[in-house]
C-alpha atoms as a PDB file:
ATOM      1  CA  MET A   1      57.876-113.395 -22.383  1.00  0.00           C
ATOM      2  CA  ASN A   2      59.817-110.899 -24.343  1.00  0.00           C
ATOM      3  CA  GLU A   3      57.740-107.984 -25.611  1.00  0.00           C
ATOM      4  CA  ASP A   4      58.253-106.733 -29.075  1.00  0.00           C
ATOM      5  CA  PRO A   5      59.647-103.170 -29.112  1.00  0.00           C
ATOM      6  CA  SER A   6      57.667-102.425 -32.187  1.00  0.00           C
ATOM      7  CA  MET A   7      54.511-102.883 -30.205  1.00  0.00           C
ATOM      8  CA  TRP A   8      55.517-100.071 -27.857  1.00  0.00           C
ATOM      9  CA  LEU A   9      56.243 -97.935 -30.783  1.00  0.00           C
ATOM     10  CA  ASP A  10      52.832 -98.632 -32.149  1.00  0.00           C
ATOM     11  CA  TRP A  11      51.295 -97.746 -28.802  1.00  0.00           C
ATOM     12  CA  ALA A  12      53.304 -94.570 -28.666  1.00  0.00           C
ATOM     13  CA  LYS A  13      52.081 -93.638 -32.081  1.00  0.00           C
ATOM     14  CA  ILE A  14      48.524 -94.229 -30.958  1.00  0.00           C
ATOM     15  CA  LEU A  15      48.838 -92.414 -27.600  1.00  0.00           C
ATOM     16  CA  ALA A  16      50.896 -89.470 -28.777  1.00  0.00           C
ATOM     17  CA  PRO A  17      48.048 -87.724 -30.629  1.00  0.00           C
ATOM     18  CA  ILE A  18      45.709 -88.399 -27.744  1.00  0.00           C
ATOM     19  CA  ILE A  19      48.112 -86.948 -25.215  1.00  0.00           C
ATOM     20  CA  ALA A  20      48.815 -84.011 -27.470  1.00  0.00           C
ATOM     21  CA  ALA A  21      45.099 -83.425 -27.859  1.00  0.00           C
ATOM     22  CA  LEU A  22      44.582 -83.584 -24.119  1.00  0.00           C
ATOM     23  CA  VAL A  23      47.406 -81.131 -23.494  1.00  0.00           C
ATOM     24  CA  ALA A  24      46.136 -78.813 -26.183  1.00  0.00           C
ATOM     25  CA  GLY A  25      42.624 -79.095 -24.848  1.00  0.00           C
ATOM     26  CA  GLY A  26      43.745 -78.270 -21.349  1.00  0.00           C
ATOM     27  CA  PHE A  27      45.640 -75.243 -22.569  1.00  0.00           C
ATOM     28  CA  ALA A  28      42.713 -74.135 -24.679  1.00  0.00           C
ATOM     29  CA  LEU A  29      40.386 -74.586 -21.717  1.00  0.00           C
ATOM     30  CA  ARG A  30      42.680 -72.500 -19.567  1.00  0.00           C
ATOM     31  CA  VAL A  31      42.842 -69.779 -22.215  1.00  0.00           C
ATOM     32  CA  SER A  32      39.083 -69.961 -22.631  1.00  0.00           C
ATOM     33  CA  ASN A  33      38.519 -69.582 -18.897  1.00  0.00           C
ATOM     34  CA  ARG A  34      40.821 -66.590 -18.854  1.00  0.00           C
ATOM     35  CA  ASN A  35      38.967 -65.058 -21.802  1.00  0.00           C
ATOM     36  CA  VAL A  36      35.657 -65.720 -20.095  1.00  0.00           C
ATOM     37  CA  ARG A  37      36.885 -63.955 -16.963  1.00  0.00           C
ATOM     38  CA  THR A  38      38.150 -61.038 -19.049  1.00  0.00           C
ATOM     39  CA  ILE A  39      34.883 -60.832 -20.930  1.00  0.00           C
ATOM     40  CA  SER A  40      32.963 -61.023 -17.658  1.00  0.00           C
ATOM     41  CA  GLU A  41      35.113 -58.318 -16.106  1.00  0.00           C
ATOM     42  CA  ASN A  42      34.705 -56.154 -19.189  1.00  0.00           C
ATOM     43  CA  ALA A  43      30.977 -56.752 -19.092  1.00  0.00           C
ATOM     44  CA  ASP A  44      30.859 -55.837 -15.410  1.00  0.00           C
ATOM     45  CA  ARG A  45      32.800 -52.658 -16.074  1.00  0.00           C
ATOM     46  CA  THR A  46      30.553 -51.832 -19.006  1.00  0.00           C
ATOM     47  CA  ILE A  47      27.437 -52.454 -16.941  1.00  0.00           C
ATOM     48  CA  ALA A  48      28.827 -50.398 -14.044  1.00  0.00           C
ATOM     49  CA  ALA A  49      29.732 -47.563 -16.401  1.00  0.00           C
ATOM     50  CA  ALA A  50      26.305 -47.746 -17.994  1.00  0.00           C
ATOM     51  CA  GLU A  51      24.657 -47.701 -14.589  1.00  0.00           C
ATOM     52  CA  ALA A  52      26.802 -44.749 -13.512  1.00  0.00           C
ATOM     53  CA  ASN A  53      25.962 -42.901 -16.716  1.00  0.00           C
ATOM     54  CA  ALA A  54      22.316 -43.762 -16.250  1.00  0.00           C
ATOM     55  CA  ASP A  55      22.437 -42.462 -12.659  1.00  0.00           C
ATOM     56  CA  LYS A  56      24.128 -39.273 -13.835  1.00  0.00           C
ATOM     57  CA  SER A  57      21.562 -38.850 -16.590  1.00  0.00           C
ATOM     58  CA  ILE A  58      18.713 -39.443 -14.166  1.00  0.00           C
ATOM     59  CA  ALA A  59      20.253 -37.019 -11.640  1.00  0.00           C
ATOM     60  CA  ALA A  60      20.832 -34.411 -14.347  1.00  0.00           C
ATOM     61  CA  ALA A  61      17.296 -34.850 -15.627  1.00  0.00           C
ATOM     62  CA  ALA A  62      15.917 -34.592 -12.098  1.00  0.00           C
ATOM     63  CA  GLU A  63      18.000 -31.470 -11.480  1.00  0.00           C
ATOM     64  CA  ASN A  64      16.784 -29.928 -14.722  1.00  0.00           C
ATOM     65  CA  VAL A  65      13.217 -30.730 -13.782  1.00  0.00           C
ATOM     66  CA  ALA A  66      13.761 -29.237 -10.320  1.00  0.00           C
ATOM     67  CA  ARG A  67      15.268 -26.083 -11.836  1.00  0.00           C
ATOM     68  CA  SER A  68      12.395 -25.818 -14.278  1.00  0.00           C
ATOM     69  CA  VAL A  69       9.850 -26.274 -11.505  1.00  0.00           C
ATOM     70  CA  LYS A  70      11.657 -23.722  -9.318  1.00  0.00           C
ATOM     71  CA  ALA A  71      11.923 -21.229 -12.184  1.00  0.00           C
ATOM     72  CA  SER A  72       8.265 -21.751 -12.989  1.00  0.00           C
ATOM     73  CA  ALA A  73       7.307 -21.309  -9.337  1.00  0.00           C
ATOM     74  CA  GLU A  74       9.436 -18.163  -9.058  1.00  0.00           C
ATOM     75  CA  GLY A  75       7.912 -16.836 -12.253  1.00  0.00           C
ATOM     76  CA  THR A  76       4.452 -17.578 -10.910  1.00  0.00           C
ATOM     77  CA  ASP A  77       5.316 -15.914  -7.593  1.00  0.00           C
ATOM     78  CA  LYS A  78       6.620 -12.841  -9.406  1.00  0.00           C
ATOM     79  CA  THR A  79       3.498 -12.716 -11.534  1.00  0.00           C
ATOM     80  CA  ILE A  80       1.289 -13.050  -8.464  1.00  0.00           C
ATOM     81  CA  THR A  81       3.340 -10.453  -6.581  1.00  0.00           C
ATOM     82  CA  ALA A  82       3.187  -8.037  -9.510  1.00  0.00           C
ATOM     83  CA  ALA A  83      -0.567  -8.541  -9.779  1.00  0.00           C
ATOM     84  CA  GLU A  84      -0.973  -8.031  -6.030  1.00  0.00           C
ATOM     85  CA  ASP A  85       1.166  -4.872  -6.187  1.00  0.00           C
ATOM     86  CA  ARG A  86      -0.933  -3.504  -9.036  1.00  0.00           C
ATOM     87  CA  GLU A  87      -4.114  -4.326  -7.172  1.00  0.00           C
ATOM     88  CA  ARG A  88      -2.784  -2.695  -4.001  1.00  0.00           C
ATOM     89  CA  ARG A  89      -1.682   0.434  -5.889  1.00  0.00           C
ATOM     90  CA  ASN A  90      -5.038   0.666  -7.617  1.00  0.00           C
ATOM     91  CA  TRP A  91      -6.811   0.262  -4.282  1.00  0.00           C
ATOM     92  CA  VAL A  92      -4.646   2.929  -2.626  1.00  0.00           C
ATOM     93  CA  ARG A  93      -5.179   5.230  -5.597  1.00  0.00           C
ATOM     94  CA  ALA A  94      -8.961   4.799  -5.496  1.00  0.00           C
ATOM     95  CA  GLN A  95      -9.086   5.217  -1.715  1.00  0.00           C
ATOM     96  CA  THR A  96      -6.870   8.313  -1.855  1.00  0.00           C
ATOM     97  CA  VAL A  97      -9.038   9.956  -4.494  1.00  0.00           C
ATOM     98  CA  GLU A  98     -12.229   9.087  -2.637  1.00  0.00           C
ATOM     99  CA  ALA A  99     -10.841  10.325   0.687  1.00  0.00           C
ATOM    100  CA  ALA A 100      -9.624  13.575  -0.902  1.00  0.00           C
ATOM    101  CA  ALA A 101     -13.074  14.157  -2.391  1.00  0.00           C
ATOM    102  CA  ALA A 102     -14.588  13.532   1.058  1.00  0.00           C
ATOM    103  CA  ILE A 103     -12.285  16.183   2.555  1.00  0.00           C
ATOM    104  CA  LEU A 104     -13.340  18.720  -0.047  1.00  0.00           C
ATOM    105  CA  ALA A 105     -17.022  17.945   0.486  1.00  0.00           C
ATOM    106  CA  ALA A 106     -16.682  18.251   4.275  1.00  0.00           C
ATOM    107  CA  ALA A 107     -14.693  21.488   3.943  1.00  0.00           C
ATOM    108  CA  THR A 108     -17.309  22.971   1.617  1.00  0.00           C
ATOM    109  CA  GLU A 109     -20.092  22.201   4.100  1.00  0.00           C
ATOM    110  CA  LEU A 110     -17.962  23.550   6.947  1.00  0.00           C
ATOM    111  CA  ASP A 111     -17.349  26.799   5.039  1.00  0.00           C
ATOM    112  CA  ILE A 112     -21.097  27.237   4.590  1.00  0.00           C
ATOM    113  CA  ARG A 113     -21.780  26.742   8.294  1.00  0.00           C
ATOM    114  CA  VAL A 114     -18.874  28.962   9.355  1.00  0.00           C
ATOM    115  CA  ASP A 115     -20.091  31.779   7.121  1.00  0.00           C
ATOM    116  CA  ARG A 116     -23.645  31.449   8.425  1.00  0.00           C
ATOM    117  CA  ALA A 117     -22.494  31.323  12.048  1.00  0.00           C
ATOM    118  CA  VAL A 118     -20.125  34.282  11.714  1.00  0.00           C
ATOM    119  CA  LYS A 119     -22.842  36.499  10.266  1.00  0.00           C
ATOM    120  CA  ALA A 120     -25.431  35.512  12.864  1.00  0.00           C
ATOM    121  CA  LEU A 121     -23.080  35.603  15.857  1.00  0.00           C
ATOM    122  CA  THR A 122     -21.533  38.925  14.848  1.00  0.00           C
ATOM    123  CA  TRP A 123     -24.969  40.458  14.531  1.00  0.00           C
ATOM    124  CA  ARG A 124     -25.906  39.104  17.952  1.00  0.00           C
ATOM    125  CA  ALA A 125     -22.734  40.590  19.454  1.00  0.00           C
ATOM    126  CA  GLU A 126     -23.452  43.936  17.793  1.00  0.00           C
ATOM    127  CA  SER A 127     -26.946  43.919  19.250  1.00  0.00           C
ATOM    128  CA  TRP A 128     -25.435  44.291  22.732  1.00  0.00           C
ATOM    129  CA  GLY A 129     -24.537  47.871  21.817  1.00  0.00           C
ATOM    130  CA  SER A 130     -28.041  48.711  20.639  1.00  0.00           C
ATOM    131  CA  PRO A 131     -30.871  50.066  22.825  1.00  0.00           C
ATOM    132  CA  LYS A 132     -32.290  46.544  22.942  1.00  0.00           C
ATOM    133  CA  ARG A 133     -29.141  44.718  23.933  1.00  0.00           C
ATOM    134  CA  GLY A 134     -29.086  41.058  23.042  1.00  0.00           C
ATOM    135  CA  VAL A 135     -32.675  41.167  21.799  1.00  0.00           C
ATOM    136  CA  LEU A 136     -33.348  39.849  18.307  1.00  0.00           C
ATOM    137  CA  THR A 137     -35.402  41.912  15.890  1.00  0.00           C
ATOM    138  CA  SER A 138     -38.470  40.359  14.311  1.00  0.00           C
ATOM    139  CA  ARG A 139     -36.335  39.492  11.279  1.00  0.00           C
ATOM    140  CA  HIS A 140     -34.018  37.379  13.422  1.00  0.00           C
ATOM    141  CA  ARG A 141     -36.498  36.270  16.062  1.00  0.00           C
ATOM    142  CA  HIS A 142     -36.545  32.714  14.752  1.00  0.00           C
ATOM    143  CA  GLU A 143     -32.766  32.428  14.338  1.00  0.00           C
ATOM    144  CA  LYS A 144     -30.917  29.690  16.216  1.00  0.00           C
ATOM    145  CA  SER A 145     -29.287  30.459  19.527  1.00  0.00           C
ATOM    146  CA  PRO A 146     -25.518  31.167  19.575  1.00  0.00           C
ATOM    147  CA  SER A 147     -24.820  27.726  21.039  1.00  0.00           C
ATOM    148  CA  GLU A 148     -26.810  26.086  18.228  1.00  0.00           C
ATOM    149  CA  PHE A 149     -24.714  27.875  15.604  1.00  0.00           C
ATOM    150  CA  PHE A 150     -21.595  26.784  17.454  1.00  0.00           C
ATOM    151  CA  MET A 151     -22.711  23.138  17.542  1.00  0.00           C
ATOM    152  CA  GLU A 152     -23.502  23.209  13.818  1.00  0.00           C
ATOM    153  CA  VAL A 153     -19.963  24.337  13.064  1.00  0.00           C
ATOM    154  CA  GLU A 154     -18.536  21.868  15.568  1.00  0.00           C
ATOM    155  CA  ASP A 155     -20.385  18.963  13.916  1.00  0.00           C
ATOM    156  CA  ALA A 156     -19.140  19.998  10.473  1.00  0.00           C
ATOM    157  CA  LEU A 157     -15.579  20.258  11.801  1.00  0.00           C
ATOM    158  CA  ALA A 158     -15.882  16.737  13.250  1.00  0.00           C
ATOM    159  CA  ASP A 159     -16.908  15.464   9.806  1.00  0.00           C
ATOM    160  CA  LEU A 160     -13.873  17.170   8.279  1.00  0.00           C
ATOM    161  CA  ASN A 161     -11.544  15.686  10.896  1.00  0.00           C
ATOM    162  CA  ARG A 162     -12.898  12.192  10.233  1.00  0.00           C
ATOM    163  CA  ALA A 163     -12.381  12.667   6.499  1.00  0.00           C
ATOM    164  CA  ILE A 164      -8.794  13.825   7.104  1.00  0.00           C
ATOM    165  CA  ASP A 165      -8.114  10.856   9.410  1.00  0.00           C
ATOM    166  CA  LEU A 166      -9.297   8.439   6.728  1.00  0.00           C
ATOM    167  CA  PHE A 167      -7.265  10.273   4.091  1.00  0.00           C
ATOM    168  CA  GLN A 168      -4.085  10.040   6.160  1.00  0.00           C
ATOM    169  CA  PHE A 169      -4.622   6.292   6.510  1.00  0.00           C
ATOM    170  CA  VAL A 170      -4.203   5.731   2.758  1.00  0.00           C
ATOM    171  CA  ALA A 171      -2.351   8.748   1.335  1.00  0.00           C
ATOM    172  CA  ASP A 172       1.371   9.453   0.934  1.00  0.00           C
ATOM    173  CA  GLU A 173       3.427  11.626   3.262  1.00  0.00           C
ATOM    174  CA  GLN A 174       3.185  14.965   1.441  1.00  0.00           C
ATOM    175  CA  PRO A 175      -0.591  14.889   0.920  1.00  0.00           C
ATOM    176  CA  CYS A 176      -0.961  13.849   4.571  1.00  0.00           C
ATOM    177  CA  SER A 177       1.111  16.829   5.706  1.00  0.00           C
ATOM    178  CA  ALA A 178      -0.996  19.148   3.549  1.00  0.00           C
ATOM    179  CA  ALA A 179      -4.176  17.676   5.038  1.00  0.00           C
ATOM    180  CA  GLU A 180      -2.830  18.228   8.552  1.00  0.00           C
ATOM    181  CA  MET A 181      -2.162  21.902   7.772  1.00  0.00           C
ATOM    182  CA  PHE A 182      -5.712  22.083   6.433  1.00  0.00           C
ATOM    183  CA  ARG A 183      -7.021  20.643   9.706  1.00  0.00           C
ATOM    184  CA  LEU A 184      -4.940  23.079  11.778  1.00  0.00           C
ATOM    185  CA  THR A 185      -6.322  26.099   9.925  1.00  0.00           C
ATOM    186  CA  TYR A 186      -9.912  25.025  10.569  1.00  0.00           C
ATOM    187  CA  ASN A 187      -9.084  24.393  14.221  1.00  0.00           C
ATOM    188  CA  HIS A 188      -8.010  28.049  14.435  1.00  0.00           C
ATOM    189  CA  ILE A 189     -11.298  29.036  12.828  1.00  0.00           C
ATOM    190  CA  MET A 190     -13.171  26.953  15.407  1.00  0.00           C
ATOM    191  CA  VAL A 191     -11.442  28.817  18.237  1.00  0.00           C
ATOM    192  CA  GLN A 192     -12.731  32.114  16.840  1.00  0.00           C
ATOM    193  CA  ILE A 193     -16.232  30.678  16.414  1.00  0.00           C
ATOM    194  CA  ARG A 194     -16.127  29.762  20.099  1.00  0.00           C
ATOM    195  CA  PHE A 195     -15.192  33.352  20.937  1.00  0.00           C
ATOM    196  CA  LEU A 196     -17.951  34.688  18.700  1.00  0.00           C
ATOM    197  CA  THR A 197     -20.441  32.477  20.512  1.00  0.00           C
ATOM    198  CA  GLN A 198     -19.406  34.032  23.815  1.00  0.00           C
ATOM    199  CA  PHE A 199     -19.557  37.532  22.370  1.00  0.00           C
ATOM    200  CA  ALA A 200     -23.018  36.853  20.947  1.00  0.00           C
ATOM    201  CA  ASP A 201     -24.099  36.004  24.484  1.00  0.00           C
ATOM    202  CA  GLY A 202     -22.598  39.306  25.684  1.00  0.00           C
ATOM    203  CA  ASN A 203     -19.630  37.574  27.265  1.00  0.00           C
ATOM    204  CA  VAL A 204     -16.020  38.688  26.670  1.00  0.00           C
ATOM    205  CA  GLU A 205     -13.243  36.451  28.012  1.00  0.00           C
ATOM    206  CA  GLY A 206     -15.740  34.435  30.014  1.00  0.00           C
ATOM    207  CA  VAL A 207     -17.185  37.465  31.879  1.00  0.00           C
ATOM    208  CA  ARG A 208     -20.739  38.715  31.358  1.00  0.00           C
ATOM    209  CA  LEU A 209     -20.563  42.262  30.034  1.00  0.00           C
ATOM    210  CA  PRO A 210     -22.059  45.021  32.180  1.00  0.00           C
ATOM    211  CA  ASP A 211     -24.393  47.466  30.489  1.00  0.00           C
ATOM    212  CA  ASN A 212     -21.770  50.179  30.196  1.00  0.00           C
ATOM    213  CA  ALA A 213     -19.316  47.796  28.525  1.00  0.00           C
ATOM    214  CA  SER A 214     -21.648  46.293  25.944  1.00  0.00           C
ATOM    215  CA  PRO A 215     -19.935  47.861  22.877  1.00  0.00           C
ATOM    216  CA  SER A 216     -16.850  45.751  23.670  1.00  0.00           C
ATOM    217  CA  ALA A 217     -18.746  42.649  22.584  1.00  0.00           C
ATOM    218  CA  ALA A 218     -19.207  44.075  19.106  1.00  0.00           C
ATOM    219  CA  GLU A 219     -15.565  45.136  18.887  1.00  0.00           C
ATOM    220  CA  ALA A 220     -14.376  41.718  19.998  1.00  0.00           C
ATOM    221  CA  ALA A 221     -16.779  40.044  17.587  1.00  0.00           C
ATOM    222  CA  HIS A 222     -15.486  42.134  14.690  1.00  0.00           C
ATOM    223  CA  SER A 223     -11.930  41.152  15.575  1.00  0.00           C
ATOM    224  CA  SER A 224     -12.803  37.443  15.660  1.00  0.00           C
ATOM    225  CA  ARG A 225     -14.778  37.771  12.440  1.00  0.00           C
ATOM    226  CA  ASP A 226     -11.729  39.262  10.707  1.00  0.00           C
ATOM    227  CA  VAL A 227      -9.555  36.402  11.971  1.00  0.00           C
ATOM    228  CA  VAL A 228     -12.078  33.872  10.680  1.00  0.00           C
ATOM    229  CA  GLN A 229     -12.134  35.506   7.266  1.00  0.00           C
ATOM    230  CA  THR A 230      -8.331  35.508   7.110  1.00  0.00           C
ATOM    231  CA  HIS A 231      -8.120  31.841   8.037  1.00  0.00           C
ATOM    232  CA  THR A 232     -10.921  30.977   5.630  1.00  0.00           C
ATOM    233  CA  ARG A 233      -8.936  32.473   2.760  1.00  0.00           C
ATOM    234  CA  LYS A 234      -5.887  30.561   3.964  1.00  0.00           C
ATOM    235  CA  ALA A 235      -7.907  27.328   4.096  1.00  0.00           C
ATOM    236  CA  ARG A 236      -9.064  27.824   0.517  1.00  0.00           C
ATOM    237  CA  HIS A 237      -5.479  28.148  -0.630  1.00  0.00           C
ATOM    238  CA  GLU A 238      -4.470  25.111   1.438  1.00  0.00           C
ATOM    239  CA  ARG A 239      -7.263  23.173  -0.246  1.00  0.00           C
ATOM    240  CA  GLU A 240      -5.565  23.843  -3.569  1.00  0.00           C
ATOM    241  CA  VAL A 241      -2.176  22.824  -2.167  1.00  0.00           C
ATOM    242  CA  LEU A 242      -3.714  19.596  -0.879  1.00  0.00           C
ATOM    243  CA  LEU A 243      -5.143  18.819  -4.316  1.00  0.00           C
ATOM    244  CA  HIS A 244      -1.785  19.561  -5.903  1.00  0.00           C
ATOM    245  CA  HIS A 245      -0.023  17.041  -3.642  1.00  0.00           C
ATOM    246  CA  VAL A 246      -2.731  14.435  -4.194  1.00  0.00           C
ATOM    247  CA  ARG A 247      -2.434  14.708  -7.961  1.00  0.00           C
ATOM    248  CA  THR A 248       1.368  14.634  -7.827  1.00  0.00           C
ATOM    249  CA  ALA A 249       1.381  11.564  -5.552  1.00  0.00           C
ATOM    250  CA  LEU A 250      -0.964   9.747  -7.935  1.00  0.00           C
ATOM    251  CA  GLY A 251       1.144  10.603 -10.969  1.00  0.00           C
ATOM    252  CA  LEU A 252      -1.443  12.999 -12.372  1.00  0.00           C
ATOM    253  CA  ALA A 253      -0.837  16.388 -13.935  1.00  0.00           C
ATOM    254  CA  PRO A 254      -0.234  19.010 -11.222  1.00  0.00           C
ATOM    255  CA  ILE A 255      -2.772  21.816 -10.946  1.00  0.00           C
ATOM    256  CA  ARG A 256      -1.937  25.508 -10.843  1.00  0.00           C
ATOM    257  CA  LEU A 257      -1.208  26.962  -7.442  1.00  0.00           C
ATOM    258  CA  ASP A 258      -1.842  30.637  -8.178  1.00  0.00           C
ATOM    259  CA  ALA A 259      -5.640  30.470  -7.837  1.00  0.00           C
ATOM    260  CA  ILE A 260      -7.238  31.051  -4.472  1.00  0.00           C
ATOM    261  CA  VAL A 261     -10.152  28.665  -4.637  1.00  0.00           C
ATOM    262  CA  VAL A 262     -10.453  25.232  -6.209  1.00  0.00           C
ATOM    263  CA  SER A 263     -14.076  24.158  -6.377  1.00  0.00           C
ATOM    264  CA  ILE A 264     -14.979  20.507  -6.863  1.00  0.00           C
ATOM    265  CA  PRO A 265     -18.648  19.489  -6.635  1.00  0.00           C
ATOM    266  CA  VAL A 266     -19.548  16.899  -4.028  1.00  0.00           C
ATOM    267  CA  GLY A 267     -19.133  13.360  -5.355  1.00  0.00           C
ATOM    268  CA  THR A 268     -16.764  14.382  -8.148  1.00  0.00           C
ATOM    269  CA  ARG A 269     -13.718  12.158  -8.505  1.00  0.00           C
ATOM    270  CA  ILE A 270     -10.294  13.644  -9.181  1.00  0.00           C
ATOM    271  CA  GLN A 271      -9.331  12.704 -12.744  1.00  0.00           C
END
């Protein structure tokens, strides 16, 4: 059977739009898929960038917090250190003043005992040149023995040495040096007190005096007494020098150094 060409034309007219639509749809679908991929890639990049920025922001914030915490801790440490330094300085200051006052009190008591011993021991030494050698008069009959006077001075010197040791534990270098000179002077005094004790017993240079040599005890005693008096004056001046260095080390007004004696009652704090 012969087919009519017009029928094919009609079919072509019907199929042409359908085919065109299919082709267009396929192209559009392809373009759409490409756009979707592009959008997805852009979204991924945006998300990655956002995450990176978020990480950077978090890291920066954490670093800022860490710096703040560190700065705060350092500030706290400095505050604590400053407070501890102030407390330590105040403690050293108080201990230095108290120890210096203890030295002065011990030195004052030692001066009293030295003076008493020198007078009694010199008189005892002089008595060896009298008709009643070495015999106390009724006025001195109840006086202590020479060794008792010596031990009194020795005990007072031990108290002074302990006070100086404590002072040197807390004080600065210059006051410590002044205290050591103070100690040395009183050690010289103690040597003379030891001699006076021997002379009061009628003994010169460790040898008991014979009757015909008894006046030598008095002469030797007078010599030792003069040495004690000289060193006592020196010690009084060194006491003032010690106070001067203590006040200077503590940032206080220096005292005058031209006086011979600086008297501070027992228990008085250095202002």
